[in-house]
Amino acid sequence: MNEEERELTRKWLRKWQELGPILEELRREDIRSAVTTGAITAFDDAFETSVRDFPPKPHSGLIEQQRLFKKLRERERLKRK
């Protein structure tokens, strides 16, 4: 990286240091002023369609995950012996 590129990088960093807090405040204000009821209504049909077309499975996979964790613990215990 030459000196000109370093200077451009420094300028870019200074601008982001200056603008970062401003952009963060704008983001927070957008979140505070968001109307979630409109979004919920807009996505309701899509959600209902996905539940209809891809119904939830009768299990979450946590039992299988715990079985695998137990198996790994047993292997680790046997390695230490």
PDB file of N, CA and C in Angstrom:
ATOM      1  N   MET A   1       0.867  -1.179   0.000  1.00  0.00           N
ATOM      2  CA  MET A   1       0.000   0.000   0.000  1.00  0.00           C
ATOM      3  C   MET A   1       0.907   1.232   0.000  1.00  0.00           C
ATOM      4  N   ASN A   2       0.679   2.136  -0.953  1.00  0.00           N
ATOM      5  CA  ASN A   2       1.516   3.336  -1.012  1.00  0.00           C
ATOM      6  C   ASN A   2       0.930   4.437  -0.118  1.00  0.00           C
ATOM      7  N   GLU A   3       1.632   5.529  -0.020  1.00  0.00           N
ATOM      8  CA  GLU A   3       1.235   6.613   0.887  1.00  0.00           C
ATOM      9  C   GLU A   3      -0.123   7.214   0.513  1.00  0.00           C
ATOM     10  N   GLU A   4      -0.382   7.341  -0.774  1.00  0.00           N
ATOM     11  CA  GLU A   4      -1.670   7.892  -1.224  1.00  0.00           C
ATOM     12  C   GLU A   4      -2.827   6.980  -0.792  1.00  0.00           C
ATOM     13  N   GLU A   5      -2.633   5.682  -0.946  1.00  0.00           N
ATOM     14  CA  GLU A   5      -3.665   4.730  -0.519  1.00  0.00           C
ATOM     15  C   GLU A   5      -3.861   4.758   0.992  1.00  0.00           C
ATOM     16  N   ARG A   6      -2.773   4.901   1.733  1.00  0.00           N
ATOM     17  CA  ARG A   6      -2.875   5.000   3.193  1.00  0.00           C
ATOM     18  C   ARG A   6      -3.656   6.236   3.603  1.00  0.00           C
ATOM     19  N   GLU A   7      -3.398   7.330   2.930  1.00  0.00           N
ATOM     20  CA  GLU A   7      -4.103   8.581   3.253  1.00  0.00           C
ATOM     21  C   GLU A   7      -5.591   8.459   2.929  1.00  0.00           C
ATOM     22  N   LEU A   8      -5.913   7.848   1.802  1.00  0.00           N
ATOM     23  CA  LEU A   8      -7.317   7.626   1.458  1.00  0.00           C
ATOM     24  C   LEU A   8      -7.997   6.736   2.501  1.00  0.00           C
ATOM     25  N   THR A   9      -7.283   5.722   2.960  1.00  0.00           N
ATOM     26  CA  THR A   9      -7.819   4.836   3.991  1.00  0.00           C
ATOM     27  C   THR A   9      -8.053   5.605   5.286  1.00  0.00           C
ATOM     28  N   ARG A  10      -7.113   6.447   5.656  1.00  0.00           N
ATOM     29  CA  ARG A  10      -7.279   7.266   6.884  1.00  0.00           C
ATOM     30  C   ARG A  10      -8.497   8.171   6.774  1.00  0.00           C
ATOM     31  N   LYS A  11      -8.657   8.811   5.605  1.00  0.00           N
ATOM     32  CA  LYS A  11      -9.819   9.691   5.395  1.00  0.00           C
ATOM     33  C   LYS A  11     -11.114   8.896   5.496  1.00  0.00           C
ATOM     34  N   TRP A  12     -11.129   7.722   4.892  1.00  0.00           N
ATOM     35  CA  TRP A  12     -12.307   6.864   4.907  1.00  0.00           C
ATOM     36  C   TRP A  12     -12.645   6.479   6.350  1.00  0.00           C
ATOM     37  N   LEU A  13     -11.617   6.109   7.118  1.00  0.00           N
ATOM     38  CA  LEU A  13     -11.839   5.741   8.520  1.00  0.00           C
ATOM     39  C   LEU A  13     -12.351   6.921   9.341  1.00  0.00           C
ATOM     40  N   ARG A  14     -11.792   8.095   9.117  1.00  0.00           N
ATOM     41  CA  ARG A  14     -12.256   9.288   9.860  1.00  0.00           C
ATOM     42  C   ARG A  14     -13.717   9.575   9.550  1.00  0.00           C
ATOM     43  N   LYS A  15     -14.098   9.447   8.275  1.00  0.00           N
ATOM     44  CA  LYS A  15     -15.495   9.684   7.892  1.00  0.00           C
ATOM     45  C   LYS A  15     -16.412   8.684   8.582  1.00  0.00           C
ATOM     46  N   TRP A  16     -16.017   7.406   8.605  1.00  0.00           N
ATOM     47  CA  TRP A  16     -16.854   6.401   9.261  1.00  0.00           C
ATOM     48  C   TRP A  16     -16.933   6.634  10.760  1.00  0.00           C
ATOM     49  N   GLN A  17     -15.841   7.091  11.356  1.00  0.00           N
ATOM     50  CA  GLN A  17     -15.881   7.414  12.787  1.00  0.00           C
ATOM     51  C   GLN A  17     -16.856   8.558  13.049  1.00  0.00           C
ATOM     52  N   GLU A  18     -16.924   9.477  12.129  1.00  0.00           N
ATOM     53  CA  GLU A  18     -17.829  10.621  12.255  1.00  0.00           C
ATOM     54  C   GLU A  18     -19.275  10.214  11.949  1.00  0.00           C
ATOM     55  N   LEU A  19     -19.461   9.442  10.887  1.00  0.00           N
ATOM     56  CA  LEU A  19     -20.809   9.107  10.442  1.00  0.00           C
ATOM     57  C   LEU A  19     -21.413   7.895  11.145  1.00  0.00           C
ATOM     58  N   GLY A  20     -20.581   7.027  11.689  1.00  0.00           N
ATOM     59  CA  GLY A  20     -21.079   5.829  12.356  1.00  0.00           C
ATOM     60  C   GLY A  20     -22.119   6.118  13.424  1.00  0.00           C
ATOM     61  N   PRO A  21     -21.832   7.010  14.378  1.00  0.00           N
ATOM     62  CA  PRO A  21     -22.820   7.314  15.409  1.00  0.00           C
ATOM     63  C   PRO A  21     -24.104   7.939  14.847  1.00  0.00           C
ATOM     64  N   ILE A  22     -23.976   8.738  13.799  1.00  0.00           N
ATOM     65  CA  ILE A  22     -25.158   9.348  13.176  1.00  0.00           C
ATOM     66  C   ILE A  22     -26.022   8.257  12.540  1.00  0.00           C
ATOM     67  N   LEU A  23     -25.374   7.355  11.807  1.00  0.00           N
ATOM     68  CA  LEU A  23     -26.111   6.263  11.177  1.00  0.00           C
ATOM     69  C   LEU A  23     -26.746   5.345  12.224  1.00  0.00           C
ATOM     70  N   GLU A  24     -26.053   5.118  13.320  1.00  0.00           N
ATOM     71  CA  GLU A  24     -26.596   4.287  14.388  1.00  0.00           C
ATOM     72  C   GLU A  24     -27.840   4.940  14.996  1.00  0.00           C
ATOM     73  N   GLU A  25     -27.799   6.244  15.189  1.00  0.00           N
ATOM     74  CA  GLU A  25     -28.966   6.947  15.729  1.00  0.00           C
ATOM     75  C   GLU A  25     -30.136   6.878  14.748  1.00  0.00           C
ATOM     76  N   LEU A  26     -29.861   7.009  13.456  1.00  0.00           N
ATOM     77  CA  LEU A  26     -30.921   6.864  12.453  1.00  0.00           C
ATOM     78  C   LEU A  26     -31.528   5.461  12.483  1.00  0.00           C
ATOM     79  N   ARG A  27     -30.671   4.441  12.622  1.00  0.00           N
ATOM     80  CA  ARG A  27     -31.147   3.064  12.692  1.00  0.00           C
ATOM     81  C   ARG A  27     -32.045   2.875  13.916  1.00  0.00           C
ATOM     82  N   ARG A  28     -31.606   3.402  15.059  1.00  0.00           N
ATOM     83  CA  ARG A  28     -32.412   3.283  16.279  1.00  0.00           C
ATOM     84  C   ARG A  28     -33.754   3.999  16.130  1.00  0.00           C
ATOM     85  N   GLU A  29     -33.738   5.153  15.502  1.00  0.00           N
ATOM     86  CA  GLU A  29     -34.986   5.902  15.299  1.00  0.00           C
ATOM     87  C   GLU A  29     -35.920   5.133  14.370  1.00  0.00           C
ATOM     88  N   ASP A  30     -35.364   4.519  13.330  1.00  0.00           N
ATOM     89  CA  ASP A  30     -36.186   3.694  12.436  1.00  0.00           C
ATOM     90  C   ASP A  30     -36.843   2.553  13.209  1.00  0.00           C
ATOM     91  N   ILE A  31     -36.087   1.928  14.078  1.00  0.00           N
ATOM     92  CA  ILE A  31     -36.629   0.825  14.875  1.00  0.00           C
ATOM     93  C   ILE A  31     -37.718   1.330  15.814  1.00  0.00           C
ATOM     94  N   ARG A  32     -37.448   2.459  16.482  1.00  0.00           N
ATOM     95  CA  ARG A  32     -38.443   3.022  17.416  1.00  0.00           C
ATOM     96  C   ARG A  32     -39.731   3.398  16.705  1.00  0.00           C
ATOM     97  N   SER A  33     -39.638   3.879  15.488  1.00  0.00           N
ATOM     98  CA  SER A  33     -40.831   4.365  14.795  1.00  0.00           C
ATOM     99  C   SER A  33     -41.477   3.314  13.882  1.00  0.00           C
ATOM    100  N   ALA A  34     -40.928   2.105  13.890  1.00  0.00           N
ATOM    101  CA  ALA A  34     -41.465   1.055  13.017  1.00  0.00           C
ATOM    102  C   ALA A  34     -42.884   0.678  13.439  1.00  0.00           C
ATOM    103  N   VAL A  35     -43.706   0.426  12.448  1.00  0.00           N
ATOM    104  CA  VAL A  35     -45.075  -0.017  12.693  1.00  0.00           C
ATOM    105  C   VAL A  35     -45.104  -1.516  12.402  1.00  0.00           C
ATOM    106  N   THR A  36     -45.014  -2.304  13.454  1.00  0.00           N
ATOM    107  CA  THR A  36     -44.909  -3.751  13.257  1.00  0.00           C
ATOM    108  C   THR A  36     -46.239  -4.392  12.873  1.00  0.00           C
ATOM    109  N   THR A  37     -47.335  -3.760  13.226  1.00  0.00           N
ATOM    110  CA  THR A  37     -48.625  -4.373  12.878  1.00  0.00           C
ATOM    111  C   THR A  37     -48.780  -4.484  11.367  1.00  0.00           C
ATOM    112  N   GLY A  38     -48.298  -3.499  10.631  1.00  0.00           N
ATOM    113  CA  GLY A  38     -48.357  -3.558   9.166  1.00  0.00           C
ATOM    114  C   GLY A  38     -47.507  -4.686   8.623  1.00  0.00           C
ATOM    115  N   ALA A  39     -46.334  -4.870   9.191  1.00  0.00           N
ATOM    116  CA  ALA A  39     -45.446  -5.945   8.743  1.00  0.00           C
ATOM    117  C   ALA A  39     -46.050  -7.307   9.058  1.00  0.00           C
ATOM    118  N   ILE A  40     -46.634  -7.435  10.242  1.00  0.00           N
ATOM    119  CA  ILE A  40     -47.261  -8.709  10.608  1.00  0.00           C
ATOM    120  C   ILE A  40     -48.385  -9.038   9.638  1.00  0.00           C
ATOM    121  N   THR A  41     -49.203  -8.062   9.359  1.00  0.00           N
ATOM    122  CA  THR A  41     -50.313  -8.260   8.412  1.00  0.00           C
ATOM    123  C   THR A  41     -49.789  -8.635   7.026  1.00  0.00           C
ATOM    124  N   ALA A  42     -48.726  -7.947   6.595  1.00  0.00           N
ATOM    125  CA  ALA A  42     -48.174  -8.198   5.261  1.00  0.00           C
ATOM    126  C   ALA A  42     -47.618  -9.610   5.130  1.00  0.00           C
ATOM    127  N   PHE A  43     -47.047 -10.151   6.190  1.00  0.00           N
ATOM    128  CA  PHE A  43     -46.423 -11.470   6.128  1.00  0.00           C
ATOM    129  C   PHE A  43     -47.340 -12.599   6.587  1.00  0.00           C
ATOM    130  N   ASP A  44     -48.526 -12.286   7.053  1.00  0.00           N
ATOM    131  CA  ASP A  44     -49.419 -13.298   7.597  1.00  0.00           C
ATOM    132  C   ASP A  44     -49.763 -14.372   6.570  1.00  0.00           C
ATOM    133  N   ASP A  45     -50.137 -13.966   5.363  1.00  0.00           N
ATOM    134  CA  ASP A  45     -50.488 -14.949   4.338  1.00  0.00           C
ATOM    135  C   ASP A  45     -49.303 -15.843   3.979  1.00  0.00           C
ATOM    136  N   ALA A  46     -48.126 -15.242   3.880  1.00  0.00           N
ATOM    137  CA  ALA A  46     -46.933 -16.036   3.549  1.00  0.00           C
ATOM    138  C   ALA A  46     -46.656 -17.042   4.659  1.00  0.00           C
ATOM    139  N   PHE A  47     -46.818 -16.635   5.899  1.00  0.00           N
ATOM    140  CA  PHE A  47     -46.591 -17.539   7.028  1.00  0.00           C
ATOM    141  C   PHE A  47     -47.594 -18.683   6.995  1.00  0.00           C
ATOM    142  N   GLU A  48     -48.853 -18.354   6.821  1.00  0.00           N
ATOM    143  CA  GLU A  48     -49.897 -19.387   6.786  1.00  0.00           C
ATOM    144  C   GLU A  48     -49.657 -20.369   5.645  1.00  0.00           C
ATOM    145  N   THR A  49     -49.231 -19.868   4.492  1.00  0.00           N
ATOM    146  CA  THR A  49     -48.942 -20.740   3.351  1.00  0.00           C
ATOM    147  C   THR A  49     -47.778 -21.672   3.660  1.00  0.00           C
ATOM    148  N   SER A  50     -46.734 -21.142   4.272  1.00  0.00           N
ATOM    149  CA  SER A  50     -45.576 -21.992   4.572  1.00  0.00           C
ATOM    150  C   SER A  50     -45.920 -23.052   5.608  1.00  0.00           C
ATOM    151  N   VAL A  51     -46.746 -22.712   6.592  1.00  0.00           N
ATOM    152  CA  VAL A  51     -47.155 -23.704   7.591  1.00  0.00           C
ATOM    153  C   VAL A  51     -48.016 -24.784   6.934  1.00  0.00           C
ATOM    154  N   ARG A  52     -48.865 -24.378   6.017  1.00  0.00           N
ATOM    155  CA  ARG A  52     -49.709 -25.345   5.305  1.00  0.00           C
ATOM    156  C   ARG A  52     -48.861 -26.261   4.424  1.00  0.00           C
ATOM    157  N   ASP A  53     -47.942 -25.667   3.652  1.00  0.00           N
ATOM    158  CA  ASP A  53     -47.150 -26.443   2.696  1.00  0.00           C
ATOM    159  C   ASP A  53     -45.990 -27.208   3.346  1.00  0.00           C
ATOM    160  N   PHE A  54     -45.495 -26.704   4.452  1.00  0.00           N
ATOM    161  CA  PHE A  54     -44.367 -27.336   5.157  1.00  0.00           C
ATOM    162  C   PHE A  54     -44.712 -27.426   6.643  1.00  0.00           C
ATOM    163  N   PRO A  55     -45.589 -28.335   7.006  1.00  0.00           N
ATOM    164  CA  PRO A  55     -46.019 -28.404   8.408  1.00  0.00           C
ATOM    165  C   PRO A  55     -44.844 -28.699   9.333  1.00  0.00           C
ATOM    166  N   PRO A  56     -44.929 -28.238  10.571  1.00  0.00           N
ATOM    167  CA  PRO A  56     -43.845 -28.487  11.528  1.00  0.00           C
ATOM    168  C   PRO A  56     -43.654 -29.984  11.758  1.00  0.00           C
ATOM    169  N   LYS A  57     -42.431 -30.370  11.982  1.00  0.00           N
ATOM    170  CA  LYS A  57     -42.132 -31.775  12.259  1.00  0.00           C
ATOM    171  C   LYS A  57     -42.588 -32.096  13.686  1.00  0.00           C
ATOM    172  N   PRO A  58     -42.876 -33.350  13.952  1.00  0.00           N
ATOM    173  CA  PRO A  58     -43.345 -33.697  15.295  1.00  0.00           C
ATOM    174  C   PRO A  58     -42.256 -33.589  16.366  1.00  0.00           C
ATOM    175  N   HIS A  59     -41.007 -33.429  15.946  1.00  0.00           N
ATOM    176  CA  HIS A  59     -39.913 -33.283  16.914  1.00  0.00           C
ATOM    177  C   HIS A  59     -38.961 -32.202  16.421  1.00  0.00           C
ATOM    178  N   SER A  60     -38.196 -31.656  17.349  1.00  0.00           N
ATOM    179  CA  SER A  60     -37.306 -30.553  16.993  1.00  0.00           C
ATOM    180  C   SER A  60     -35.896 -30.999  16.658  1.00  0.00           C
ATOM    181  N   GLY A  61     -35.586 -32.252  16.937  1.00  0.00           N
ATOM    182  CA  GLY A  61     -34.223 -32.720  16.711  1.00  0.00           C
ATOM    183  C   GLY A  61     -33.365 -32.629  17.962  1.00  0.00           C
ATOM    184  N   LEU A  62     -33.908 -32.065  19.036  1.00  0.00           N
ATOM    185  CA  LEU A  62     -33.127 -31.922  20.264  1.00  0.00           C
ATOM    186  C   LEU A  62     -32.794 -33.274  20.895  1.00  0.00           C
ATOM    187  N   ILE A  63     -33.704 -34.226  20.795  1.00  0.00           N
ATOM    188  CA  ILE A  63     -33.430 -35.554  21.358  1.00  0.00           C
ATOM    189  C   ILE A  63     -32.260 -36.192  20.620  1.00  0.00           C
ATOM    190  N   GLU A  64     -32.266 -36.108  19.310  1.00  0.00           N
ATOM    191  CA  GLU A  64     -31.157 -36.642  18.511  1.00  0.00           C
ATOM    192  C   GLU A  64     -29.859 -35.907  18.843  1.00  0.00           C
ATOM    193  N   GLN A  65     -29.922 -34.608  18.992  1.00  0.00           N
ATOM    194  CA  GLN A  65     -28.732 -33.821  19.346  1.00  0.00           C
ATOM    195  C   GLN A  65     -28.169 -34.288  20.690  1.00  0.00           C
ATOM    196  N   GLN A  66     -29.030 -34.459  21.679  1.00  0.00           N
ATOM    197  CA  GLN A  66     -28.575 -34.897  22.998  1.00  0.00           C
ATOM    198  C   GLN A  66     -27.979 -36.304  22.943  1.00  0.00           C
ATOM    199  N   ARG A  67     -28.544 -37.170  22.108  1.00  0.00           N
ATOM    200  CA  ARG A  67     -27.991 -38.512  21.933  1.00  0.00           C
ATOM    201  C   ARG A  67     -26.568 -38.440  21.377  1.00  0.00           C
ATOM    202  N   LEU A  68     -26.357 -37.559  20.395  1.00  0.00           N
ATOM    203  CA  LEU A  68     -25.020 -37.387  19.812  1.00  0.00           C
ATOM    204  C   LEU A  68     -24.045 -36.793  20.827  1.00  0.00           C
ATOM    205  N   PHE A  69     -24.509 -35.833  21.628  1.00  0.00           N
ATOM    206  CA  PHE A  69     -23.640 -35.258  22.660  1.00  0.00           C
ATOM    207  C   PHE A  69     -23.217 -36.323  23.661  1.00  0.00           C
ATOM    208  N   LYS A  70     -24.163 -37.180  24.058  1.00  0.00           N
ATOM    209  CA  LYS A  70     -23.848 -38.254  25.004  1.00  0.00           C
ATOM    210  C   LYS A  70     -22.796 -39.182  24.419  1.00  0.00           C
ATOM    211  N   LYS A  71     -22.964 -39.518  23.147  1.00  0.00           N
ATOM    212  CA  LYS A  71     -22.015 -40.394  22.472  1.00  0.00           C
ATOM    213  C   LYS A  71     -20.617 -39.766  22.446  1.00  0.00           C
ATOM    214  N   LEU A  72     -20.553 -38.467  22.159  1.00  0.00           N
ATOM    215  CA  LEU A  72     -19.265 -37.763  22.152  1.00  0.00           C
ATOM    216  C   LEU A  72     -18.633 -37.747  23.542  1.00  0.00           C
ATOM    217  N   ARG A  73     -19.452 -37.509  24.573  1.00  0.00           N
ATOM    218  CA  ARG A  73     -18.924 -37.510  25.953  1.00  0.00           C
ATOM    219  C   ARG A  73     -18.348 -38.872  26.313  1.00  0.00           C
ATOM    220  N   GLU A  74     -19.045 -39.929  25.907  1.00  0.00           N
ATOM    221  CA  GLU A  74     -18.560 -41.277  26.193  1.00  0.00           C
ATOM    222  C   GLU A  74     -17.243 -41.546  25.482  1.00  0.00           C
ATOM    223  N   ARG A  75     -17.118 -41.101  24.234  1.00  0.00           N
ATOM    224  CA  ARG A  75     -15.857 -41.269  23.504  1.00  0.00           C
ATOM    225  C   ARG A  75     -14.725 -40.530  24.193  1.00  0.00           C
ATOM    226  N   GLU A  76     -15.000 -39.288  24.614  1.00  0.00           N
ATOM    227  CA  GLU A  76     -13.975 -38.499  25.299  1.00  0.00           C
ATOM    228  C   GLU A  76     -13.557 -39.160  26.613  1.00  0.00           C
ATOM    229  N   ARG A  77     -14.529 -39.709  27.329  1.00  0.00           N
ATOM    230  CA  ARG A  77     -14.244 -40.377  28.601  1.00  0.00           C
ATOM    231  C   ARG A  77     -13.355 -41.593  28.362  1.00  0.00           C
ATOM    232  N   LEU A  78     -13.648 -42.355  27.307  1.00  0.00           N
ATOM    233  CA  LEU A  78     -12.847 -43.535  26.991  1.00  0.00           C
ATOM    234  C   LEU A  78     -11.425 -43.169  26.541  1.00  0.00           C
ATOM    235  N   LYS A  79     -11.291 -42.037  25.845  1.00  0.00           N
ATOM    236  CA  LYS A  79      -9.956 -41.588  25.411  1.00  0.00           C
ATOM    237  C   LYS A  79      -9.072 -41.263  26.598  1.00  0.00           C
ATOM    238  N   ARG A  80      -9.680 -40.686  27.641  1.00  0.00           N
ATOM    239  CA  ARG A  80      -8.903 -40.269  28.820  1.00  0.00           C
ATOM    240  C   ARG A  80      -8.432 -41.448  29.652  1.00  0.00           C
ATOM    241  N   LYS A  81      -9.030 -42.616  29.485  1.00  0.00           N
ATOM    242  CA  LYS A  81      -8.644 -43.794  30.280  1.00  0.00           C
ATOM    243  C   LYS A  81      -7.372 -44.411  29.791  1.00  0.00           C
TER     244      LYS A  81
END
